[in-house]
């Protein structure tokens, strides 16, 4: 079953973002909402927060300031960006409104077990949207497994002409349970296992950016056996064995799961695409089937490489992704930018590094406000990309 909401805004266009690290959910929500809205009524407000804040009180002040048709969406995350700050254990509210925006939402519930159907259901929010510029944003449960199936389902409805953008919810990298938010002035549901489709229409351009900063190392590998996110074989050999050999480590690396995950985060897979390289995080290794476990599909026959990235290349990619989105507006000034960054990038860059990344985004945007969150996977389908990404920064600029 799905639920939907819609909003067509009027008045001067605006984009705002607010951030709070207060520990009380009601107070944090009020501080972030007040900063983001500044007395204005939003067409849509995004709430991104640490998993500890997912209580109804978080939304009280936002609902009081919302209009009758304001759409409130969001999720728990593995880090938040907003108000020029990056943190965990915080709340970010990012909102926009004014002339020329149309927002429609549809919620696909109980997505696990019917992922492709849930993606198509979420994309049904596009129905009847006639604005000159359109995009479909997806926010869904980051622990549903093969989330590429959701993207495929959404693409089956949206088609090639509508960009897909978004990210999967997190729980501060605990991998236990994540939450999604949907509602409005009269109430906000706190969901799990859901996919929210947000159809955005505008009479001005929308721009999408995407960059990751990784480069190929070593010889190419052909995926000769795979199952969803499990890579079983490279070039006819067990994938786990090939991975360990390429890195020069032995079987004992698997004795410490957290240590192996950290090692793997520094050496993701890159899949060759016509539009560039899609990145796949290696989440674990299976000693029994000798496979590598990724958080999205690695299709049979894919050409893959182990990837490497240094501190500077990852920082540069943050500015690149922000710049791409603004440049895609075709010269129109940017009102604001929504950011979907990968939680694995936080692990790679470290706490100080993500602050530097935030500075790079801010430099490239030169005063344009932005907000977003660190995801369990990013969505960007434009210029032929298939849609699911990891270790990538995705941006949506509003003209």
Protein backbone atom coordinates (compact mmCIF):
# COMPACT_ATOMS: atom_id res chain seq x y z
CA UNK A 1 0.00 0.00 0.00
CA UNK A 2 1.20 3.52 -0.71
CA UNK A 3 0.38 6.93 0.65
CA UNK A 4 0.85 10.20 -1.16
CA UNK A 5 1.04 13.92 -0.61
CA UNK A 6 1.35 16.86 -2.98
CA UNK A 7 2.20 20.54 -2.82
CA UNK A 8 2.30 23.37 -5.36
CA UNK A 9 4.03 26.42 -3.90
CA UNK A 10 3.61 30.14 -4.47
CA UNK A 11 5.66 33.21 -3.42
CA UNK A 12 9.35 34.09 -3.75
CA UNK A 13 11.68 31.09 -4.12
CA UNK A 14 14.00 30.23 -1.25
CA UNK A 15 16.23 27.45 0.11
CA UNK A 16 17.33 27.12 3.73
CA UNK A 17 19.16 24.71 5.98
CA UNK A 18 19.55 24.44 9.75
CA UNK A 19 21.68 22.27 12.02
CA UNK A 20 21.50 21.35 15.70
CA UNK A 21 23.58 19.21 18.05
CA UNK A 22 21.28 19.65 21.05
CA UNK A 23 20.67 16.30 22.72
CA UNK A 24 16.94 16.72 23.33
CA UNK A 25 15.08 15.73 20.11
CA UNK A 26 12.35 18.35 20.48
CA UNK A 27 14.85 21.14 21.12
CA UNK A 28 17.17 19.98 18.34
CA UNK A 29 14.31 19.75 15.85
CA UNK A 30 13.11 23.22 16.83
CA UNK A 31 16.57 24.79 16.48
CA UNK A 32 17.24 23.21 13.07
CA UNK A 33 13.74 23.92 11.72
CA UNK A 34 13.74 27.55 12.83
CA UNK A 35 17.11 28.16 11.18
CA UNK A 36 16.06 26.47 7.94
CA UNK A 37 12.62 28.02 7.58
CA UNK A 38 13.29 31.50 9.04
CA UNK A 39 9.57 32.21 9.13
CA UNK A 40 8.89 30.94 5.61
CA UNK A 41 6.45 28.18 4.68
CA UNK A 42 8.20 25.34 2.81
CA UNK A 43 6.96 23.25 -0.07
CA UNK A 44 9.15 20.45 1.29
CA UNK A 45 11.32 19.98 4.36
CA UNK A 46 13.92 17.22 4.69
CA UNK A 47 14.86 16.00 8.17
CA UNK A 48 18.14 14.08 8.46
CA UNK A 49 19.26 12.92 11.89
CA UNK A 50 21.22 10.48 13.97
CA UNK A 51 19.26 7.35 14.83
CA UNK A 52 18.88 8.43 18.46
CA UNK A 53 16.56 11.29 17.48
CA UNK A 54 13.85 9.24 15.71
CA UNK A 55 10.93 10.17 17.97
CA UNK A 56 7.75 12.13 17.22
CA UNK A 57 8.93 15.07 19.32
CA UNK A 58 11.66 15.76 16.76
CA UNK A 59 9.07 17.09 14.31
CA UNK A 60 6.93 19.19 16.66
CA UNK A 61 8.37 22.63 15.89
CA UNK A 62 8.70 21.89 12.18
CA UNK A 63 5.06 20.87 11.96
CA UNK A 64 4.04 24.06 13.77
CA UNK A 65 5.86 26.15 11.16
CA UNK A 66 4.72 24.10 8.15
CA UNK A 67 1.85 24.94 5.83
CA UNK A 68 -1.19 22.78 5.25
CA UNK A 69 0.41 21.27 2.14
CA UNK A 70 4.04 21.13 3.29
CA UNK A 71 5.66 17.75 2.68
CA UNK A 72 8.01 16.49 5.41
CA UNK A 73 10.37 13.64 4.51
CA UNK A 74 13.72 12.34 5.68
CA UNK A 75 15.54 9.54 7.44
CA UNK A 76 18.09 8.49 10.00
CA UNK A 77 21.64 8.69 8.73
CA UNK A 78 25.33 8.04 9.38
CA UNK A 79 26.18 11.75 9.51
CA UNK A 80 24.61 15.07 8.59
CA UNK A 81 25.63 18.12 6.53
CA UNK A 82 23.94 21.47 6.93
CA UNK A 83 24.47 25.07 7.88
CA UNK A 84 28.10 24.80 6.85
CA UNK A 85 28.72 22.06 9.42
CA UNK A 86 29.29 18.29 9.38
CA UNK A 87 28.59 16.09 12.39
CA UNK A 88 27.13 12.95 13.80
CA UNK A 89 24.65 12.96 16.70
CA UNK A 90 22.81 15.90 15.20
CA UNK A 91 19.75 17.01 13.25
CA UNK A 92 19.72 18.83 9.91
CA UNK A 93 16.63 20.35 8.32
CA UNK A 94 16.87 21.40 4.68
CA UNK A 95 13.84 23.03 3.06
CA UNK A 96 12.75 25.05 0.08
CA UNK A 97 9.66 26.75 -1.25
CA UNK A 98 8.26 29.57 -3.33
CA UNK A 99 7.10 30.05 -6.89
CA UNK A 100 7.37 27.35 -9.49
CA UNK A 101 7.87 24.21 -7.37
CA UNK A 102 5.64 21.14 -7.36
CA UNK A 103 6.26 18.32 -4.89
CA UNK A 104 4.49 14.97 -4.80
CA UNK A 105 5.34 11.95 -2.66
CA UNK A 106 4.44 8.30 -2.54
CA UNK A 107 5.48 5.81 0.15
CA UNK A 108 6.09 2.16 -0.71
CA UNK A 109 5.89 0.17 2.50
CA UNK A 110 7.30 -3.25 3.36
CA UNK A 111 9.92 -3.03 0.61
CA UNK A 112 12.00 -6.10 1.60
CA UNK A 113 10.88 -9.06 -0.49
CA UNK A 114 9.42 -6.86 -3.23
CA UNK A 115 12.17 -4.38 -3.96
CA UNK A 116 11.58 -3.80 -7.66
CA UNK A 117 7.84 -3.42 -7.10
CA UNK A 118 8.52 -0.97 -4.25
CA UNK A 119 10.76 1.12 -6.51
CA UNK A 120 8.06 1.29 -9.16
CA UNK A 121 5.47 2.19 -6.55
CA UNK A 122 7.63 5.01 -5.17
CA UNK A 123 8.16 6.35 -8.69
CA UNK A 124 4.39 6.56 -9.22
CA UNK A 125 4.64 9.93 -7.47
CA UNK A 126 5.64 11.26 -10.91
CA UNK A 127 2.18 10.57 -12.32
CA UNK A 128 0.65 13.72 -13.78
CA UNK A 129 3.68 15.89 -13.01
CA UNK A 130 3.79 18.26 -15.99
CA UNK A 131 6.47 20.76 -14.93
CA UNK A 132 9.13 21.65 -17.47
CA UNK A 133 11.94 20.32 -15.25
CA UNK A 134 11.46 17.13 -13.25
CA UNK A 135 13.45 14.78 -11.04
CA UNK A 136 12.66 11.79 -8.84
CA UNK A 137 14.27 11.66 -5.41
CA UNK A 138 14.36 8.36 -3.56
CA UNK A 139 14.95 7.87 0.15
CA UNK A 140 14.77 4.29 1.38
CA UNK A 141 15.86 1.82 4.00
CA UNK A 142 19.60 1.28 3.72
CA UNK A 143 19.42 -2.24 5.13
CA UNK A 144 17.04 -3.80 2.60
CA UNK A 145 19.91 -5.56 0.82
CA UNK A 146 19.95 -5.43 -2.98
CA UNK A 147 18.83 -1.82 -3.25
CA UNK A 148 19.72 -1.74 -6.96
CA UNK A 149 16.43 -3.58 -7.51
CA UNK A 150 14.57 -0.58 -6.07
CA UNK A 151 16.38 1.71 -8.50
CA UNK A 152 15.54 -0.59 -11.41
CA UNK A 153 11.89 -0.56 -10.41
CA UNK A 154 11.88 3.23 -10.20
CA UNK A 155 13.58 3.52 -13.59
CA UNK A 156 10.92 1.28 -15.15
CA UNK A 157 8.38 3.99 -14.32
CA UNK A 158 10.44 7.19 -14.57
CA UNK A 159 12.21 6.33 -17.83
CA UNK A 160 15.42 7.82 -19.16
CA UNK A 161 14.20 11.43 -19.32
CA UNK A 162 13.79 11.91 -15.56
CA UNK A 163 16.95 11.96 -13.40
CA UNK A 164 16.95 9.72 -10.34
CA UNK A 165 18.73 11.05 -7.25
CA UNK A 166 18.79 10.06 -3.60
CA UNK A 167 20.31 7.98 -0.85
CA UNK A 168 19.67 5.12 1.53
CA UNK A 169 19.11 5.72 5.23
CA UNK A 170 21.65 4.75 7.90
CA UNK A 171 21.93 4.07 11.60
CA UNK A 172 25.37 5.50 12.45
CA UNK A 173 27.02 2.44 10.81
CA UNK A 174 25.51 0.01 13.32
CA UNK A 175 23.71 -1.94 10.56
CA UNK A 176 20.80 -2.85 12.86
CA UNK A 177 17.76 -0.77 11.80
CA UNK A 178 17.18 2.46 9.93
CA UNK A 179 14.14 4.74 9.79
CA UNK A 180 12.38 6.85 7.17
CA UNK A 181 10.07 9.83 7.77
CA UNK A 182 7.02 10.95 5.82
CA UNK A 183 4.17 13.30 6.60
CA UNK A 184 3.23 16.92 7.00
CA UNK A 185 1.70 19.46 9.35
CA UNK A 186 -0.87 16.98 10.67
CA UNK A 187 1.67 14.29 11.57
CA UNK A 188 4.86 12.49 10.54
CA UNK A 189 5.15 8.72 10.32
CA UNK A 190 8.37 7.04 11.44
CA UNK A 191 8.79 4.03 9.16
CA UNK A 192 11.24 1.21 8.57
CA UNK A 193 11.62 -0.94 5.47
CA UNK A 194 10.04 1.80 3.32
CA UNK A 195 10.93 3.63 0.11
CA UNK A 196 9.80 7.24 -0.30
CA UNK A 197 9.45 8.58 -3.83
CA UNK A 198 9.63 12.39 -4.05
CA UNK A 199 8.63 13.77 -7.44
CA UNK A 200 10.04 17.26 -7.83
CA UNK A 201 8.82 19.64 -10.51
CA UNK A 202 10.19 23.09 -11.25
CA UNK A 203 9.79 25.83 -13.84
CA UNK A 204 13.54 26.43 -13.60
CA UNK A 205 16.44 24.02 -14.28
CA UNK A 206 17.54 21.21 -11.99
CA UNK A 207 21.15 20.03 -12.06
CA UNK A 208 22.69 16.73 -10.96
CA UNK A 209 26.34 16.15 -10.05
CA UNK A 210 28.25 12.96 -9.21
CA UNK A 211 31.92 12.25 -8.47
CA UNK A 212 33.94 9.80 -6.37
CA UNK A 213 37.68 10.47 -6.72
CA UNK A 214 38.79 6.82 -7.06
CA UNK A 215 41.13 5.39 -9.71
CA UNK A 216 41.82 1.90 -11.05
CA UNK A 217 44.74 -0.20 -9.84
CA UNK A 218 46.16 -3.43 -11.26
CA UNK A 219 44.78 -5.50 -14.10
CA UNK A 220 41.10 -5.73 -14.94
CA UNK A 221 39.03 -8.58 -13.48
CA UNK A 222 36.07 -10.22 -15.18
CA UNK A 223 33.18 -11.22 -12.91
CA UNK A 224 32.62 -14.82 -13.98
CA UNK A 225 30.14 -15.71 -11.24
CA UNK A 226 27.94 -13.52 -9.04
CA UNK A 227 24.66 -13.53 -7.20
CA UNK A 228 23.11 -10.17 -6.38
CA UNK A 229 25.75 -8.46 -4.23
CA UNK A 230 27.88 -11.59 -3.78
CA UNK A 231 30.89 -11.75 -6.09
CA UNK A 232 31.69 -15.46 -6.36
CA UNK A 233 34.45 -15.54 -8.98
CA UNK A 234 36.91 -13.31 -10.80
CA UNK A 235 38.35 -14.85 -13.96
CA UNK A 236 37.18 -18.30 -12.84
CA UNK A 237 38.85 -18.10 -9.40
CA UNK A 238 37.15 -17.63 -6.02
CA UNK A 239 36.70 -13.88 -5.61
CA UNK A 240 37.83 -13.81 -1.97
CA UNK A 241 41.08 -15.57 -2.86
CA UNK A 242 41.78 -13.12 -5.67
CA UNK A 243 41.06 -10.15 -3.41
CA UNK A 244 43.35 -11.34 -0.61
CA UNK A 245 46.13 -12.12 -3.07
CA UNK A 246 45.87 -8.74 -4.78
CA UNK A 247 46.16 -7.01 -1.40
CA UNK A 248 49.00 -9.23 -0.22
CA UNK A 249 47.23 -10.42 2.94
CA UNK A 250 46.39 -13.94 4.12
CA UNK A 251 43.29 -15.65 5.47
CA UNK A 252 43.88 -14.31 8.98
CA UNK A 253 42.63 -10.90 7.78
CA UNK A 254 39.12 -12.33 8.13
CA UNK A 255 39.59 -13.18 11.81
CA UNK A 256 38.78 -9.60 12.72
CA UNK A 257 35.55 -8.66 10.86
CA UNK A 258 35.85 -4.97 11.70
CA UNK A 259 39.47 -4.93 10.60
CA UNK A 260 38.65 -6.69 7.35
CA UNK A 261 35.81 -4.25 6.65
CA UNK A 262 38.16 -1.32 7.20
CA UNK A 263 40.71 -2.92 4.86
CA UNK A 264 38.05 -3.50 2.23
CA UNK A 265 36.74 0.07 2.53
CA UNK A 266 40.13 1.27 1.32
CA UNK A 267 39.97 -1.02 -1.74
CA UNK A 268 36.45 -0.95 -3.25
CA UNK A 269 35.52 -2.40 -6.61
CA UNK A 270 35.10 -0.20 -9.65
CA UNK A 271 32.73 -1.40 -12.38
CA UNK A 272 33.36 -0.11 -15.88
CA UNK A 273 30.40 1.81 -17.32
CA UNK A 274 30.01 3.91 -20.45
CA UNK A 275 29.54 6.94 -18.22
CA UNK A 276 32.51 6.18 -15.92
CA UNK A 277 33.20 3.84 -13.03
CA UNK A 278 30.53 2.81 -10.54
CA UNK A 279 31.93 2.07 -7.09
CA UNK A 280 30.95 -0.94 -4.97
CA UNK A 281 31.87 -1.14 -1.29
CA UNK A 282 33.13 -4.57 -0.25
CA UNK A 283 31.34 -5.10 3.03
CA UNK A 284 32.54 -8.58 4.03
CA UNK A 285 34.03 -11.88 2.87
CA UNK A 286 32.39 -15.30 3.04
CA UNK A 287 34.93 -17.98 3.92
CA UNK A 288 32.59 -20.84 2.99
CA UNK A 289 31.62 -19.78 -0.54
CA UNK A 290 34.88 -17.77 -0.95
CA UNK A 291 32.93 -14.72 -2.06
CA UNK A 292 33.06 -10.98 -1.54
CA UNK A 293 29.89 -9.38 -0.23
CA UNK A 294 29.02 -5.96 -1.67
CA UNK A 295 26.12 -3.67 -0.80
CA UNK A 296 24.75 -3.59 -4.37
CA UNK A 297 24.79 -5.79 -7.44
CA UNK A 298 27.99 -6.74 -9.28
CA UNK A 299 26.59 -8.28 -12.48
CA UNK A 300 27.92 -11.34 -14.23
CA UNK A 301 30.36 -10.42 -16.98
CA UNK A 302 31.17 -7.00 -15.51
CA UNK A 303 34.67 -5.66 -15.98
CA UNK A 304 36.01 -4.67 -12.56
CA UNK A 305 39.11 -3.25 -10.92
CA UNK A 306 40.30 -2.78 -7.38
CA UNK A 307 40.21 0.95 -6.79
CA UNK A 308 42.41 3.31 -4.84
CA UNK A 309 41.91 6.86 -3.73
CA UNK A 310 44.02 9.28 -1.75
CA UNK A 311 42.95 12.04 0.57
CA UNK A 312 43.30 14.80 -1.99
CA UNK A 313 41.45 12.99 -4.78
CA UNK A 314 38.46 12.36 -2.52
CA UNK A 315 38.40 16.00 -1.42
CA UNK A 316 38.63 17.17 -5.02
CA UNK A 317 35.70 14.96 -5.97
CA UNK A 318 33.48 16.70 -3.41
CA UNK A 319 34.05 20.03 -5.10
CA UNK A 320 33.64 18.40 -8.50
CA UNK A 321 30.23 16.92 -7.65
CA UNK A 322 29.00 20.26 -6.29
CA UNK A 323 30.30 22.11 -9.35
CA UNK A 324 28.74 19.67 -11.81
CA UNK A 325 25.27 20.21 -10.37
CA UNK A 326 25.54 23.99 -10.56
CA UNK A 327 27.01 23.90 -14.08
CA UNK A 328 24.13 21.67 -15.19
CA UNK A 329 21.78 24.60 -14.51
CA UNK A 330 23.04 26.10 -17.75
CA UNK A 331 24.01 29.45 -16.34
CA UNK A 332 20.97 29.91 -14.12
CA UNK A 333 21.89 30.91 -10.54
CA UNK A 334 21.69 28.11 -7.96
CA UNK A 335 19.07 28.49 -5.24
CA UNK A 336 20.47 25.65 -3.12
CA UNK A 337 21.96 22.17 -3.30
CA UNK A 338 20.89 18.86 -1.76
CA UNK A 339 23.83 16.55 -0.96
CA UNK A 340 23.99 12.75 -0.64
CA UNK A 341 27.43 11.66 0.56
CA UNK A 342 28.61 8.13 1.35
CA UNK A 343 29.21 7.01 4.93
CA UNK A 344 32.14 4.95 3.66
CA UNK A 345 33.79 8.19 2.53
CA UNK A 346 33.59 9.37 6.14
CA UNK A 347 35.46 6.21 7.20
CA UNK A 348 38.05 6.74 4.49
CA UNK A 349 38.57 10.47 5.13
CA UNK A 350 38.23 10.41 8.91
CA UNK A 351 36.59 12.98 11.16
CA UNK A 352 38.99 15.76 10.20
CA UNK A 353 38.78 14.81 6.52
CA UNK A 354 35.00 15.20 6.27
CA UNK A 355 35.36 18.69 7.69
CA UNK A 356 37.82 19.42 4.88
CA UNK A 357 35.36 17.88 2.41
CA UNK A 358 32.68 20.24 3.70
CA UNK A 359 35.02 23.17 3.12
CA UNK A 360 35.61 22.03 -0.48
CA UNK A 361 31.86 21.85 -1.13
CA UNK A 362 31.40 25.30 0.37
CA UNK A 363 34.21 26.78 -1.71
CA UNK A 364 32.77 25.42 -4.94
CA UNK A 365 29.25 26.62 -4.13
CA UNK A 366 30.50 30.06 -3.06
CA UNK A 367 27.71 30.97 -0.67
CA UNK A 368 24.93 28.80 -2.13
CA UNK A 369 23.23 27.02 0.81
CA UNK A 370 23.29 23.22 0.95
CA UNK A 371 22.30 20.35 3.21
CA UNK A 372 22.16 16.57 3.18
CA UNK A 373 23.39 13.40 4.82
CA UNK A 374 25.87 10.54 4.81
CA UNK A 375 24.17 7.52 3.25
CA UNK A 376 24.31 3.73 3.05
CA UNK A 377 24.49 4.10 -0.73
CA UNK A 378 23.80 6.82 -3.27
CA UNK A 379 21.43 7.04 -6.23
CA UNK A 380 22.25 8.98 -9.38
CA UNK A 381 20.94 7.99 -12.80
CA UNK A 382 21.67 10.51 -15.52
CA UNK A 383 23.79 10.49 -18.67
CA UNK A 384 23.39 6.71 -18.92
CA UNK A 385 24.54 5.70 -15.43
CA UNK A 386 22.73 2.63 -14.08
CA UNK A 387 21.89 4.31 -10.81
CA UNK A 388 23.40 2.65 -7.70
CA UNK A 389 26.67 3.96 -6.29
CA UNK A 390 28.90 3.77 -3.23
CA UNK A 391 31.85 5.87 -2.07
CA UNK A 392 30.31 8.61 -4.23
CA UNK A 393 28.99 12.11 -3.63
CA UNK A 394 25.74 12.99 -5.43
CA UNK A 395 24.28 16.49 -5.61
CA UNK A 396 21.02 18.09 -6.80
CA UNK A 397 21.06 21.83 -7.54
CA UNK A 398 17.86 23.87 -7.77
CA UNK A 399 17.76 26.82 -10.14
